[in-house]
Amino acid sequence: MPQPNSPSGPLEAEIRERLTAAFAPARLDVNNDSATHRGHMGDDGSGESHFSIYIEADAFKDRSRLERQRMVNHALGDIPGERVHAIAIKAEAPGIVP
């Protein structure tokens, strides 16, 4: 079961691949938070049920927070809500202090 700061699991790798392909981000942090949710609702035992994402890309310039969230969710396709219980997303344009 993947743990924080361990090699990524297949779903984490897929998240990185999809976001990199869609946005060519200047910065991308994908954190597997599943271990902190072990035994809670949505924990499917896979070790890849909860993630947090920080992504910085030019595509987000002049977009509202809601538009950026929708763009990321669209790029992730069937992952949010179907293959992963929860994803926290922070999406910014370069030069924005998070």
PDB file of N, CA and C in Angstrom:
ATOM      1  N   MET A   1       0.836  -1.178   0.000  1.00  0.00           N
ATOM      2  CA  MET A   1       0.000   0.000   0.000  1.00  0.00           C
ATOM      3  C   MET A   1       0.880   1.240   0.000  1.00  0.00           C
ATOM      4  N   PRO A   2       0.759   2.186  -0.981  1.00  0.00           N
ATOM      5  CA  PRO A   2       1.595   3.369  -1.007  1.00  0.00           C
ATOM      6  C   PRO A   2       1.394   4.222   0.235  1.00  0.00           C
ATOM      7  N   GLN A   3       2.464   4.778   0.717  1.00  0.00           N
ATOM      8  CA  GLN A   3       2.449   5.660   1.879  1.00  0.00           C
ATOM      9  C   GLN A   3       2.974   7.025   1.440  1.00  0.00           C
ATOM     10  N   PRO A   4       2.679   8.088   2.208  1.00  0.00           N
ATOM     11  CA  PRO A   4       3.247   9.388   1.864  1.00  0.00           C
ATOM     12  C   PRO A   4       4.765   9.287   1.747  1.00  0.00           C
ATOM     13  N   ASN A   5       5.331   9.989   0.787  1.00  0.00           N
ATOM     14  CA  ASN A   5       6.764  10.033   0.528  1.00  0.00           C
ATOM     15  C   ASN A   5       7.326   8.693   0.049  1.00  0.00           C
ATOM     16  N   SER A   6       6.481   7.784  -0.403  1.00  0.00           N
ATOM     17  CA  SER A   6       6.955   6.522  -0.956  1.00  0.00           C
ATOM     18  C   SER A   6       6.790   6.581  -2.465  1.00  0.00           C
ATOM     19  N   PRO A   7       7.361   5.613  -3.180  1.00  0.00           N
ATOM     20  CA  PRO A   7       7.156   5.605  -4.631  1.00  0.00           C
ATOM     21  C   PRO A   7       5.662   5.621  -4.950  1.00  0.00           C
ATOM     22  N   SER A   8       5.326   6.298  -6.011  1.00  0.00           N
ATOM     23  CA  SER A   8       3.909   6.445  -6.340  1.00  0.00           C
ATOM     24  C   SER A   8       3.301   5.129  -6.795  1.00  0.00           C
ATOM     25  N   GLY A   9       2.003   5.004  -6.513  1.00  0.00           N
ATOM     26  CA  GLY A   9       1.240   3.870  -6.985  1.00  0.00           C
ATOM     27  C   GLY A   9       0.757   4.149  -8.395  1.00  0.00           C
ATOM     28  N   PRO A  10       0.085   3.186  -9.018  1.00  0.00           N
ATOM     29  CA  PRO A  10      -0.349   3.359 -10.402  1.00  0.00           C
ATOM     30  C   PRO A  10      -1.351   4.495 -10.604  1.00  0.00           C
ATOM     31  N   LEU A  11      -2.232   4.720  -9.653  1.00  0.00           N
ATOM     32  CA  LEU A  11      -3.209   5.787  -9.802  1.00  0.00           C
ATOM     33  C   LEU A  11      -2.552   7.157  -9.641  1.00  0.00           C
ATOM     34  N   GLU A  12      -1.652   7.259  -8.686  1.00  0.00           N
ATOM     35  CA  GLU A  12      -0.906   8.514  -8.512  1.00  0.00           C
ATOM     36  C   GLU A  12      -0.106   8.827  -9.774  1.00  0.00           C
ATOM     37  N   ALA A  13       0.527   7.832 -10.348  1.00  0.00           N
ATOM     38  CA  ALA A  13       1.286   8.026 -11.579  1.00  0.00           C
ATOM     39  C   ALA A  13       0.367   8.467 -12.722  1.00  0.00           C
ATOM     40  N   GLU A  14      -0.820   7.879 -12.794  1.00  0.00           N
ATOM     41  CA  GLU A  14      -1.771   8.267 -13.834  1.00  0.00           C
ATOM     42  C   GLU A  14      -2.233   9.707 -13.657  1.00  0.00           C
ATOM     43  N   ILE A  15      -2.452  10.125 -12.419  1.00  0.00           N
ATOM     44  CA  ILE A  15      -2.833  11.517 -12.153  1.00  0.00           C
ATOM     45  C   ILE A  15      -1.741  12.448 -12.662  1.00  0.00           C
ATOM     46  N   ARG A  16      -0.496  12.146 -12.324  1.00  0.00           N
ATOM     47  CA  ARG A  16       0.635  12.968 -12.783  1.00  0.00           C
ATOM     48  C   ARG A  16       0.698  13.012 -14.307  1.00  0.00           C
ATOM     49  N   GLU A  17       0.560  11.863 -14.944  1.00  0.00           N
ATOM     50  CA  GLU A  17       0.627  11.791 -16.411  1.00  0.00           C
ATOM     51  C   GLU A  17      -0.470  12.618 -17.065  1.00  0.00           C
ATOM     52  N   ARG A  18      -1.698  12.476 -16.578  1.00  0.00           N
ATOM     53  CA  ARG A  18      -2.821  13.209 -17.177  1.00  0.00           C
ATOM     54  C   ARG A  18      -2.647  14.720 -17.017  1.00  0.00           C
ATOM     55  N   LEU A  19      -2.247  15.159 -15.834  1.00  0.00           N
ATOM     56  CA  LEU A  19      -2.099  16.597 -15.600  1.00  0.00           C
ATOM     57  C   LEU A  19      -0.906  17.167 -16.359  1.00  0.00           C
ATOM     58  N   THR A  20       0.155  16.404 -16.462  1.00  0.00           N
ATOM     59  CA  THR A  20       1.323  16.852 -17.228  1.00  0.00           C
ATOM     60  C   THR A  20       0.971  16.975 -18.703  1.00  0.00           C
ATOM     61  N   ALA A  21       0.255  16.002 -19.229  1.00  0.00           N
ATOM     62  CA  ALA A  21      -0.149  16.040 -20.641  1.00  0.00           C
ATOM     63  C   ALA A  21      -1.100  17.194 -20.927  1.00  0.00           C
ATOM     64  N   ALA A  22      -2.015  17.464 -20.009  1.00  0.00           N
ATOM     65  CA  ALA A  22      -3.033  18.493 -20.240  1.00  0.00           C
ATOM     66  C   ALA A  22      -2.499  19.911 -20.054  1.00  0.00           C
ATOM     67  N   PHE A  23      -1.560  20.104 -19.113  1.00  0.00           N
ATOM     68  CA  PHE A  23      -1.185  21.472 -18.737  1.00  0.00           C
ATOM     69  C   PHE A  23       0.297  21.807 -18.839  1.00  0.00           C
ATOM     70  N   ALA A  24       1.184  20.845 -19.031  1.00  0.00           N
ATOM     71  CA  ALA A  24       2.629  21.093 -19.010  1.00  0.00           C
ATOM     72  C   ALA A  24       2.962  22.027 -17.837  1.00  0.00           C
ATOM     73  N   PRO A  25       2.647  21.605 -16.629  1.00  0.00           N
ATOM     74  CA  PRO A  25       2.765  22.503 -15.477  1.00  0.00           C
ATOM     75  C   PRO A  25       4.195  22.912 -15.150  1.00  0.00           C
ATOM     76  N   ALA A  26       4.317  24.144 -14.645  1.00  0.00           N
ATOM     77  CA  ALA A  26       5.593  24.626 -14.124  1.00  0.00           C
ATOM     78  C   ALA A  26       5.901  23.928 -12.808  1.00  0.00           C
ATOM     79  N   ARG A  27       4.852  23.568 -12.085  1.00  0.00           N
ATOM     80  CA  ARG A  27       4.997  22.838 -10.822  1.00  0.00           C
ATOM     81  C   ARG A  27       3.797  21.906 -10.673  1.00  0.00           C
ATOM     82  N   LEU A  28       4.065  20.707 -10.211  1.00  0.00           N
ATOM     83  CA  LEU A  28       3.005  19.740  -9.954  1.00  0.00           C
ATOM     84  C   LEU A  28       3.387  18.915  -8.738  1.00  0.00           C
ATOM     85  N   ASP A  29       2.579  19.001  -7.706  1.00  0.00           N
ATOM     86  CA  ASP A  29       2.753  18.187  -6.509  1.00  0.00           C
ATOM     87  C   ASP A  29       1.496  17.338  -6.351  1.00  0.00           C
ATOM     88  N   VAL A  30       1.664  16.037  -6.340  1.00  0.00           N
ATOM     89  CA  VAL A  30       0.558  15.113  -6.111  1.00  0.00           C
ATOM     90  C   VAL A  30       0.905  14.345  -4.842  1.00  0.00           C
ATOM     91  N   ASN A  31       0.097  14.522  -3.815  1.00  0.00           N
ATOM     92  CA  ASN A  31       0.338  13.873  -2.538  1.00  0.00           C
ATOM     93  C   ASN A  31      -0.742  12.836  -2.261  1.00  0.00           C
ATOM     94  N   ASN A  32      -0.304  11.639  -1.949  1.00  0.00           N
ATOM     95  CA  ASN A  32      -1.221  10.569  -1.584  1.00  0.00           C
ATOM     96  C   ASN A  32      -1.505  10.704  -0.093  1.00  0.00           C
ATOM     97  N   ASP A  33      -2.715  11.123   0.241  1.00  0.00           N
ATOM     98  CA  ASP A  33      -3.130  11.348   1.627  1.00  0.00           C
ATOM     99  C   ASP A  33      -3.909  10.162   2.190  1.00  0.00           C
ATOM    100  N   SER A  34      -3.932   9.061   1.467  1.00  0.00           N
ATOM    101  CA  SER A  34      -4.774   7.925   1.835  1.00  0.00           C
ATOM    102  C   SER A  34      -4.471   7.364   3.218  1.00  0.00           C
ATOM    103  N   ALA A  35      -3.208   7.343   3.601  1.00  0.00           N
ATOM    104  CA  ALA A  35      -2.841   6.774   4.902  1.00  0.00           C
ATOM    105  C   ALA A  35      -3.507   7.527   6.052  1.00  0.00           C
ATOM    106  N   THR A  36      -3.724   8.815   5.879  1.00  0.00           N
ATOM    107  CA  THR A  36      -4.358   9.605   6.940  1.00  0.00           C
ATOM    108  C   THR A  36      -5.861   9.389   7.003  1.00  0.00           C
ATOM    109  N   HIS A  37      -6.408   8.692   6.015  1.00  0.00           N
ATOM    110  CA  HIS A  37      -7.849   8.424   5.969  1.00  0.00           C
ATOM    111  C   HIS A  37      -8.163   6.938   6.157  1.00  0.00           C
ATOM    112  N   ARG A  38      -7.156   6.159   6.517  1.00  0.00           N
ATOM    113  CA  ARG A  38      -7.340   4.715   6.690  1.00  0.00           C
ATOM    114  C   ARG A  38      -8.465   4.442   7.690  1.00  0.00           C
ATOM    115  N   GLY A  39      -9.417   3.599   7.287  1.00  0.00           N
ATOM    116  CA  GLY A  39     -10.536   3.238   8.151  1.00  0.00           C
ATOM    117  C   GLY A  39     -11.693   4.216   8.102  1.00  0.00           C
ATOM    118  N   HIS A  40     -11.533   5.323   7.389  1.00  0.00           N
ATOM    119  CA  HIS A  40     -12.605   6.317   7.273  1.00  0.00           C
ATOM    120  C   HIS A  40     -13.448   6.041   6.036  1.00  0.00           C
ATOM    121  N   MET A  41     -14.558   6.749   5.925  1.00  0.00           N
ATOM    122  CA  MET A  41     -15.417   6.617   4.758  1.00  0.00           C
ATOM    123  C   MET A  41     -14.606   6.900   3.487  1.00  0.00           C
ATOM    124  N   GLY A  42     -14.789   6.085   2.502  1.00  0.00           N
ATOM    125  CA  GLY A  42     -14.106   6.272   1.230  1.00  0.00           C
ATOM    126  C   GLY A  42     -12.788   5.535   1.130  1.00  0.00           C
ATOM    127  N   ASP A  43     -12.279   5.008   2.240  1.00  0.00           N
ATOM    128  CA  ASP A  43     -11.057   4.216   2.200  1.00  0.00           C
ATOM    129  C   ASP A  43     -11.404   2.845   1.653  1.00  0.00           C
ATOM    130  N   ASP A  44     -10.952   2.562   0.433  1.00  0.00           N
ATOM    131  CA  ASP A  44     -11.277   1.287  -0.205  1.00  0.00           C
ATOM    132  C   ASP A  44     -10.204   0.225   0.017  1.00  0.00           C
ATOM    133  N   GLY A  45      -9.203   0.561   0.811  1.00  0.00           N
ATOM    134  CA  GLY A  45      -8.136  -0.387   1.096  1.00  0.00           C
ATOM    135  C   GLY A  45      -7.047  -0.439   0.040  1.00  0.00           C
ATOM    136  N   SER A  46      -7.178   0.333  -1.020  1.00  0.00           N
ATOM    137  CA  SER A  46      -6.198   0.310  -2.109  1.00  0.00           C
ATOM    138  C   SER A  46      -4.940   1.102  -1.780  1.00  0.00           C
ATOM    139  N   GLY A  47      -5.046   2.003  -0.808  1.00  0.00           N
ATOM    140  CA  GLY A  47      -3.929   2.890  -0.517  1.00  0.00           C
ATOM    141  C   GLY A  47      -3.865   4.069  -1.468  1.00  0.00           C
ATOM    142  N   GLU A  48      -4.861   4.181  -2.344  1.00  0.00           N
ATOM    143  CA  GLU A  48      -4.930   5.296  -3.292  1.00  0.00           C
ATOM    144  C   GLU A  48      -6.368   5.801  -3.383  1.00  0.00           C
ATOM    145  N   SER A  49      -6.892   6.276  -2.270  1.00  0.00           N
ATOM    146  CA  SER A  49      -8.275   6.740  -2.230  1.00  0.00           C
ATOM    147  C   SER A  49      -8.412   8.245  -2.007  1.00  0.00           C
ATOM    148  N   HIS A  50      -7.369   8.892  -1.504  1.00  0.00           N
ATOM    149  CA  HIS A  50      -7.404  10.319  -1.178  1.00  0.00           C
ATOM    150  C   HIS A  50      -6.102  10.982  -1.643  1.00  0.00           C
ATOM    151  N   PHE A  51      -6.234  12.084  -2.385  1.00  0.00           N
ATOM    152  CA  PHE A  51      -5.067  12.805  -2.879  1.00  0.00           C
ATOM    153  C   PHE A  51      -5.254  14.307  -2.705  1.00  0.00           C
ATOM    154  N   SER A  52      -4.142  15.009  -2.623  1.00  0.00           N
ATOM    155  CA  SER A  52      -4.156  16.466  -2.728  1.00  0.00           C
ATOM    156  C   SER A  52      -3.197  16.836  -3.858  1.00  0.00           C
ATOM    157  N   ILE A  53      -3.607  17.830  -4.634  1.00  0.00           N
ATOM    158  CA  ILE A  53      -2.854  18.240  -5.811  1.00  0.00           C
ATOM    159  C   ILE A  53      -2.601  19.735  -5.746  1.00  0.00           C
ATOM    160  N   TYR A  54      -1.356  20.119  -5.992  1.00  0.00           N
ATOM    161  CA  TYR A  54      -1.030  21.525  -6.237  1.00  0.00           C
ATOM    162  C   TYR A  54      -0.463  21.558  -7.642  1.00  0.00           C
ATOM    163  N   ILE A  55      -1.055  22.384  -8.493  1.00  0.00           N
ATOM    164  CA  ILE A  55      -0.597  22.495  -9.877  1.00  0.00           C
ATOM    165  C   ILE A  55      -0.511  23.962 -10.253  1.00  0.00           C
ATOM    166  N   GLU A  56       0.595  24.300 -10.905  1.00  0.00           N
ATOM    167  CA  GLU A  56       0.844  25.667 -11.369  1.00  0.00           C
ATOM    168  C   GLU A  56       1.083  25.594 -12.875  1.00  0.00           C
ATOM    169  N   ALA A  57       0.239  26.277 -13.649  1.00  0.00           N
ATOM    170  CA  ALA A  57       0.358  26.204 -15.108  1.00  0.00           C
ATOM    171  C   ALA A  57      -0.146  27.482 -15.753  1.00  0.00           C
ATOM    172  N   ASP A  58       0.446  27.833 -16.886  1.00  0.00           N
ATOM    173  CA  ASP A  58       0.025  29.022 -17.631  1.00  0.00           C
ATOM    174  C   ASP A  58      -1.438  28.967 -18.035  1.00  0.00           C
ATOM    175  N   ALA A  59      -1.969  27.776 -18.245  1.00  0.00           N
ATOM    176  CA  ALA A  59      -3.364  27.614 -18.673  1.00  0.00           C
ATOM    177  C   ALA A  59      -4.354  28.213 -17.670  1.00  0.00           C
ATOM    178  N   PHE A  60      -3.931  28.418 -16.427  1.00  0.00           N
ATOM    179  CA  PHE A  60      -4.833  28.923 -15.397  1.00  0.00           C
ATOM    180  C   PHE A  60      -4.844  30.448 -15.302  1.00  0.00           C
ATOM    181  N   LYS A  61      -4.002  31.107 -16.085  1.00  0.00           N
ATOM    182  CA  LYS A  61      -3.941  32.571 -16.046  1.00  0.00           C
ATOM    183  C   LYS A  61      -5.300  33.165 -16.413  1.00  0.00           C
ATOM    184  N   ASP A  62      -5.723  34.117 -15.627  1.00  0.00           N
ATOM    185  CA  ASP A  62      -6.983  34.850 -15.837  1.00  0.00           C
ATOM    186  C   ASP A  62      -8.218  33.943 -15.750  1.00  0.00           C
ATOM    187  N   ARG A  63      -8.107  32.827 -15.072  1.00  0.00           N
ATOM    188  CA  ARG A  63      -9.251  31.939 -14.850  1.00  0.00           C
ATOM    189  C   ARG A  63      -9.660  32.017 -13.388  1.00  0.00           C
ATOM    190  N   SER A  64     -10.942  31.901 -13.136  1.00  0.00           N
ATOM    191  CA  SER A  64     -11.426  31.909 -11.752  1.00  0.00           C
ATOM    192  C   SER A  64     -11.044  30.601 -11.069  1.00  0.00           C
ATOM    193  N   ARG A  65     -11.120  30.591  -9.752  1.00  0.00           N
ATOM    194  CA  ARG A  65     -10.817  29.377  -8.995  1.00  0.00           C
ATOM    195  C   ARG A  65     -11.703  28.223  -9.459  1.00  0.00           C
ATOM    196  N   LEU A  66     -12.988  28.499  -9.675  1.00  0.00           N
ATOM    197  CA  LEU A  66     -13.915  27.463 -10.120  1.00  0.00           C
ATOM    198  C   LEU A  66     -13.541  26.942 -11.509  1.00  0.00           C
ATOM    199  N   GLU A  67     -13.177  27.846 -12.427  1.00  0.00           N
ATOM    200  CA  GLU A  67     -12.763  27.408 -13.766  1.00  0.00           C
ATOM    201  C   GLU A  67     -11.518  26.529 -13.698  1.00  0.00           C
ATOM    202  N   ARG A  68     -10.552  26.902 -12.846  1.00  0.00           N
ATOM    203  CA  ARG A  68      -9.333  26.100 -12.710  1.00  0.00           C
ATOM    204  C   ARG A  68      -9.651  24.714 -12.167  1.00  0.00           C
ATOM    205  N   GLN A  69     -10.526  24.651 -11.159  1.00  0.00           N
ATOM    206  CA  GLN A  69     -10.931  23.360 -10.599  1.00  0.00           C
ATOM    207  C   GLN A  69     -11.596  22.490 -11.671  1.00  0.00           C
ATOM    208  N   ARG A  70     -12.463  23.090 -12.445  1.00  0.00           N
ATOM    209  CA  ARG A  70     -13.152  22.346 -13.499  1.00  0.00           C
ATOM    210  C   ARG A  70     -12.178  21.851 -14.559  1.00  0.00           C
ATOM    211  N   MET A  71     -11.194  22.660 -14.901  1.00  0.00           N
ATOM    212  CA  MET A  71     -10.184  22.261 -15.886  1.00  0.00           C
ATOM    213  C   MET A  71      -9.401  21.043 -15.401  1.00  0.00           C
ATOM    214  N   VAL A  72      -9.009  21.073 -14.137  1.00  0.00           N
ATOM    215  CA  VAL A  72      -8.255  19.950 -13.572  1.00  0.00           C
ATOM    216  C   VAL A  72      -9.136  18.709 -13.529  1.00  0.00           C
ATOM    217  N   ASN A  73     -10.361  18.846 -13.039  1.00  0.00           N
ATOM    218  CA  ASN A  73     -11.271  17.696 -12.983  1.00  0.00           C
ATOM    219  C   ASN A  73     -11.513  17.114 -14.371  1.00  0.00           C
ATOM    220  N   HIS A  74     -11.656  17.974 -15.363  1.00  0.00           N
ATOM    221  CA  HIS A  74     -11.862  17.499 -16.736  1.00  0.00           C
ATOM    222  C   HIS A  74     -10.648  16.706 -17.204  1.00  0.00           C
ATOM    223  N   ALA A  75      -9.454  17.202 -16.926  1.00  0.00           N
ATOM    224  CA  ALA A  75      -8.229  16.503 -17.331  1.00  0.00           C
ATOM    225  C   ALA A  75      -8.097  15.152 -16.632  1.00  0.00           C
ATOM    226  N   LEU A  76      -8.606  15.056 -15.409  1.00  0.00           N
ATOM    227  CA  LEU A  76      -8.517  13.805 -14.648  1.00  0.00           C
ATOM    228  C   LEU A  76      -9.559  12.778 -15.089  1.00  0.00           C
ATOM    229  N   GLY A  77     -10.550  13.194 -15.853  1.00  0.00           N
ATOM    230  CA  GLY A  77     -11.533  12.263 -16.406  1.00  0.00           C
ATOM    231  C   GLY A  77     -12.305  11.499 -15.347  1.00  0.00           C
ATOM    232  N   ASP A  78     -12.223  10.168 -15.399  1.00  0.00           N
ATOM    233  CA  ASP A  78     -13.014   9.319 -14.501  1.00  0.00           C
ATOM    234  C   ASP A  78     -12.364   9.107 -13.134  1.00  0.00           C
ATOM    235  N   ILE A  79     -11.239   9.724 -12.882  1.00  0.00           N
ATOM    236  CA  ILE A  79     -10.553   9.491 -11.604  1.00  0.00           C
ATOM    237  C   ILE A  79     -11.332  10.074 -10.426  1.00  0.00           C
ATOM    238  N   PRO A  80     -11.677  11.373 -10.431  1.00  0.00           N
ATOM    239  CA  PRO A  80     -12.404  11.916  -9.267  1.00  0.00           C
ATOM    240  C   PRO A  80     -13.809  11.336  -9.152  1.00  0.00           C
ATOM    241  N   GLY A  81     -14.136  10.867  -7.971  1.00  0.00           N
ATOM    242  CA  GLY A  81     -15.484  10.386  -7.707  1.00  0.00           C
ATOM    243  C   GLY A  81     -15.766   8.967  -8.151  1.00  0.00           C
ATOM    244  N   GLU A  82     -15.015   8.465  -9.111  1.00  0.00           N
ATOM    245  CA  GLU A  82     -15.227   7.096  -9.576  1.00  0.00           C
ATOM    246  C   GLU A  82     -14.113   6.171  -9.128  1.00  0.00           C
ATOM    247  N   ARG A  83     -12.875   6.615  -9.311  1.00  0.00           N
ATOM    248  CA  ARG A  83     -11.734   5.763  -8.962  1.00  0.00           C
ATOM    249  C   ARG A  83     -11.025   6.238  -7.702  1.00  0.00           C
ATOM    250  N   VAL A  84     -11.273   7.472  -7.310  1.00  0.00           N
ATOM    251  CA  VAL A  84     -10.689   8.057  -6.101  1.00  0.00           C
ATOM    252  C   VAL A  84     -11.818   8.705  -5.317  1.00  0.00           C
ATOM    253  N   HIS A  85     -11.808   8.499  -4.012  1.00  0.00           N
ATOM    254  CA  HIS A  85     -12.875   9.050  -3.169  1.00  0.00           C
ATOM    255  C   HIS A  85     -12.788  10.564  -3.056  1.00  0.00           C
ATOM    256  N   ALA A  86     -11.583  11.108  -2.851  1.00  0.00           N
ATOM    257  CA  ALA A  86     -11.461  12.545  -2.622  1.00  0.00           C
ATOM    258  C   ALA A  86     -10.162  13.088  -3.199  1.00  0.00           C
ATOM    259  N   ILE A  87     -10.263  14.239  -3.865  1.00  0.00           N
ATOM    260  CA  ILE A  87      -9.095  14.947  -4.376  1.00  0.00           C
ATOM    261  C   ILE A  87      -9.251  16.416  -4.003  1.00  0.00           C
ATOM    262  N   ALA A  88      -8.276  16.937  -3.272  1.00  0.00           N
ATOM    263  CA  ALA A  88      -8.214  18.378  -2.964  1.00  0.00           C
ATOM    264  C   ALA A  88      -7.320  19.014  -4.020  1.00  0.00           C
ATOM    265  N   ILE A  89      -7.814  20.070  -4.663  1.00  0.00           N
ATOM    266  CA  ILE A  89      -7.081  20.690  -5.771  1.00  0.00           C
ATOM    267  C   ILE A  89      -6.789  22.144  -5.461  1.00  0.00           C
ATOM    268  N   LYS A  90      -5.536  22.520  -5.634  1.00  0.00           N
ATOM    269  CA  LYS A  90      -5.117  23.921  -5.602  1.00  0.00           C
ATOM    270  C   LYS A  90      -4.445  24.170  -6.939  1.00  0.00           C
ATOM    271  N   ALA A  91      -5.063  24.968  -7.790  1.00  0.00           N
ATOM    272  CA  ALA A  91      -4.560  25.243  -9.129  1.00  0.00           C
ATOM    273  C   ALA A  91      -4.310  26.742  -9.264  1.00  0.00           C
ATOM    274  N   GLU A  92      -3.103  27.097  -9.675  1.00  0.00           N
ATOM    275  CA  GLU A  92      -2.706  28.499  -9.784  1.00  0.00           C
ATOM    276  C   GLU A  92      -1.941  28.744 -11.081  1.00  0.00           C
ATOM    277  N   ALA A  93      -1.912  30.006 -11.492  1.00  0.00           N
ATOM    278  CA  ALA A  93      -1.056  30.415 -12.591  1.00  0.00           C
ATOM    279  C   ALA A  93       0.313  30.739 -12.015  1.00  0.00           C
ATOM    280  N   PRO A  94       1.396  30.574 -12.794  1.00  0.00           N
ATOM    281  CA  PRO A  94       2.730  30.917 -12.300  1.00  0.00           C
ATOM    282  C   PRO A  94       2.777  32.370 -11.817  1.00  0.00           C
ATOM    283  N   GLY A  95       3.525  32.582 -10.754  1.00  0.00           N
ATOM    284  CA  GLY A  95       3.653  33.926 -10.189  1.00  0.00           C
ATOM    285  C   GLY A  95       2.659  34.227  -9.095  1.00  0.00           C
ATOM    286  N   ILE A  96       1.664  33.373  -8.898  1.00  0.00           N
ATOM    287  CA  ILE A  96       0.698  33.539  -7.829  1.00  0.00           C
ATOM    288  C   ILE A  96       1.255  32.853  -6.583  1.00  0.00           C
ATOM    289  N   VAL A  97       1.266  33.540  -5.484  1.00  0.00           N
ATOM    290  CA  VAL A  97       1.758  32.943  -4.246  1.00  0.00           C
ATOM    291  C   VAL A  97       0.633  32.121  -3.636  1.00  0.00           C
ATOM    292  N   PRO A  98       0.884  30.788  -3.451  1.00  0.00           N
ATOM    293  CA  PRO A  98      -0.177  29.925  -2.907  1.00  0.00           C
ATOM    294  C   PRO A  98      -0.463  30.224  -1.452  1.00  0.00           C
TER     295      PRO A  98
END
